[in-house]
Amino acid sequence: MRPLLFYFSLFVSDETPPFFAIDNIDNSINPKLGWELMEELVNLAEKYDKQVILTTHQPGILDGLNLNDDEQRLFVVSRNKSGYTRARRILKPKHLDGELPVRMSEAFLSGYIGGLSKGF
């Protein structure tokens, strides 16, 4: 519960800068709660005019994103053997007629959007 209160405080406080980052927002959060947390933080960011960069290693967090909303963006950040960093924007996967849409967590775990280490 404490991490949630801390995150909500960051988003609503006048003392928090309008642009900030949270590393590993998924720390100590159940996957379903992470999904709902993302949806709530998106609403708070809009209401309190905050722009936030979040990092996560938990696929369930991705399901809380609405990639149809251009204000919400997903990037996969990787580094090559020479140490160069690359950020690539991920767009919402298109689904085929008659097929169920793929959740972002499933797309990530299946390797469709990248971000997984090649050794696994």
Protein backbone atom coordinates (compact mmCIF):
# COMPACT_ATOMS: atom_id res chain seq x y z
CA MET A 1 0.00 0.00 0.00
CA ARG A 2 2.86 2.39 0.76
CA PRO A 3 4.22 2.48 -2.80
CA LEU A 4 0.75 3.35 -4.11
CA LEU A 5 0.36 6.26 -1.70
CA PHE A 6 3.81 7.48 -2.62
CA TYR A 7 3.04 7.35 -6.36
CA PHE A 8 -0.29 9.10 -5.95
CA SER A 9 1.40 11.79 -3.84
CA LEU A 10 4.00 12.37 -6.55
CA PHE A 11 1.33 12.89 -9.18
CA VAL A 12 -0.92 15.26 -7.21
CA SER A 13 1.68 17.33 -5.33
CA ASP A 14 2.49 20.89 -6.33
CA GLU A 15 6.02 20.19 -5.02
CA THR A 16 6.65 17.53 -7.67
CA PRO A 17 8.12 18.91 -10.90
CA PRO A 18 5.94 18.70 -14.01
CA PHE A 19 8.38 16.19 -15.56
CA PHE A 20 9.90 13.33 -13.56
CA ALA A 21 10.71 9.61 -13.71
CA ILE A 22 9.99 6.53 -11.61
CA ASP A 23 12.28 3.54 -12.00
CA ASN A 24 10.77 0.07 -11.59
CA ILE A 25 7.23 1.19 -10.82
CA ASP A 26 6.30 -2.49 -10.62
CA ASN A 27 8.36 -3.07 -7.46
CA SER A 28 6.22 -4.96 -4.89
CA ILE A 29 3.03 -4.67 -6.95
CA ASN A 30 0.75 -7.52 -7.98
CA PRO A 31 0.37 -7.70 -11.82
CA LYS A 32 -3.38 -6.96 -11.82
CA LEU A 33 -2.87 -4.07 -9.42
CA GLY A 34 -0.10 -2.78 -11.70
CA TRP A 35 -2.53 -2.69 -14.61
CA GLU A 36 -5.05 -0.68 -12.59
CA LEU A 37 -2.31 1.53 -11.13
CA MET A 38 -1.22 2.51 -14.63
CA GLU A 39 -4.75 3.48 -15.61
CA GLU A 40 -5.11 5.63 -12.48
CA LEU A 41 -1.70 7.28 -12.90
CA VAL A 42 -2.56 8.20 -16.49
CA ASN A 43 -5.68 9.96 -15.21
CA LEU A 44 -3.73 11.77 -12.47
CA ALA A 45 -0.99 12.82 -14.89
CA GLU A 46 -3.57 14.41 -17.16
CA LYS A 47 -5.47 16.06 -14.31
CA TYR A 48 -2.34 17.49 -12.63
CA ASP A 49 -0.39 18.23 -15.83
CA LYS A 50 2.49 15.83 -15.18
CA GLN A 51 4.70 14.11 -17.73
CA VAL A 52 6.32 10.96 -16.41
CA ILE A 53 8.79 8.38 -17.63
CA LEU A 54 8.28 4.97 -16.03
CA THR A 55 10.38 1.83 -16.24
CA THR A 56 9.10 -1.67 -15.60
CA HIS A 57 10.10 -5.30 -15.90
CA GLN A 58 6.60 -6.61 -15.19
CA PRO A 59 4.56 -7.31 -18.33
CA GLY A 60 1.22 -6.73 -16.58
CA ILE A 61 2.02 -3.02 -16.23
CA LEU A 62 1.87 -2.74 -20.04
CA ASP A 63 -1.77 -3.83 -20.07
CA GLY A 64 -2.67 -0.59 -18.27
CA LEU A 65 -1.50 1.50 -21.23
CA ASN A 66 -3.85 2.79 -23.89
CA LEU A 67 -1.64 3.02 -26.96
CA ASN A 68 -4.56 4.47 -28.94
CA ASP A 69 -4.01 7.63 -26.86
CA ASP A 70 -1.05 9.54 -28.35
CA GLU A 71 -0.29 10.97 -24.89
CA GLN A 72 0.69 7.47 -23.74
CA ARG A 73 3.73 5.94 -25.33
CA LEU A 74 5.71 2.76 -24.94
CA PHE A 75 9.37 2.47 -25.83
CA VAL A 76 11.74 -0.48 -25.77
CA VAL A 77 15.21 0.69 -24.81
CA SER A 78 18.17 -1.53 -25.63
CA ARG A 79 21.94 -1.33 -25.77
CA ASN A 80 24.21 -2.98 -28.31
CA LYS A 81 27.59 -4.62 -27.65
CA SER A 82 29.37 -1.31 -28.24
CA GLY A 83 27.28 0.36 -25.54
CA TYR A 84 25.10 2.46 -27.84
CA THR A 85 21.54 2.91 -26.57
CA ARG A 86 18.52 2.84 -28.82
CA ALA A 87 14.90 3.69 -27.99
CA ARG A 88 12.21 2.32 -30.28
CA ARG A 89 8.56 3.34 -30.00
CA ILE A 90 6.07 0.48 -29.82
CA LEU A 91 2.70 1.03 -31.47
CA LYS A 92 -0.42 -0.88 -30.56
CA PRO A 93 -0.37 -4.27 -32.29
CA LYS A 94 -2.99 -4.68 -34.99
CA HIS A 95 -5.23 -7.68 -34.67
CA LEU A 96 -6.63 -9.72 -37.49
CA ASP A 97 -10.37 -9.88 -38.13
CA GLY A 98 -11.89 -12.76 -36.26
CA GLU A 99 -8.93 -12.98 -33.87
CA LEU A 100 -8.91 -11.79 -30.28
CA PRO A 101 -6.64 -8.78 -29.66
CA VAL A 102 -3.29 -9.61 -28.06
CA ARG A 103 -2.69 -7.96 -24.68
CA MET A 104 0.54 -5.97 -24.46
CA SER A 105 1.84 -8.30 -21.73
CA GLU A 106 1.35 -11.28 -24.05
CA ALA A 107 3.01 -9.44 -26.95
CA PHE A 108 5.99 -8.69 -24.72
CA LEU A 109 6.32 -12.24 -23.36
CA SER A 110 5.97 -13.69 -26.87
CA GLY A 111 8.81 -11.49 -28.09
CA TYR A 112 6.64 -9.52 -30.55
CA ILE A 113 7.60 -6.07 -29.27
CA GLY A 114 11.18 -6.67 -28.14
CA GLY A 115 12.71 -5.84 -24.81
CA LEU A 116 13.55 -9.43 -23.87
CA SER A 117 17.13 -10.52 -23.46
CA LYS A 118 18.21 -12.80 -26.28
CA GLY A 119 19.68 -15.39 -23.87
CA PHE A 120 16.31 -16.53 -22.49
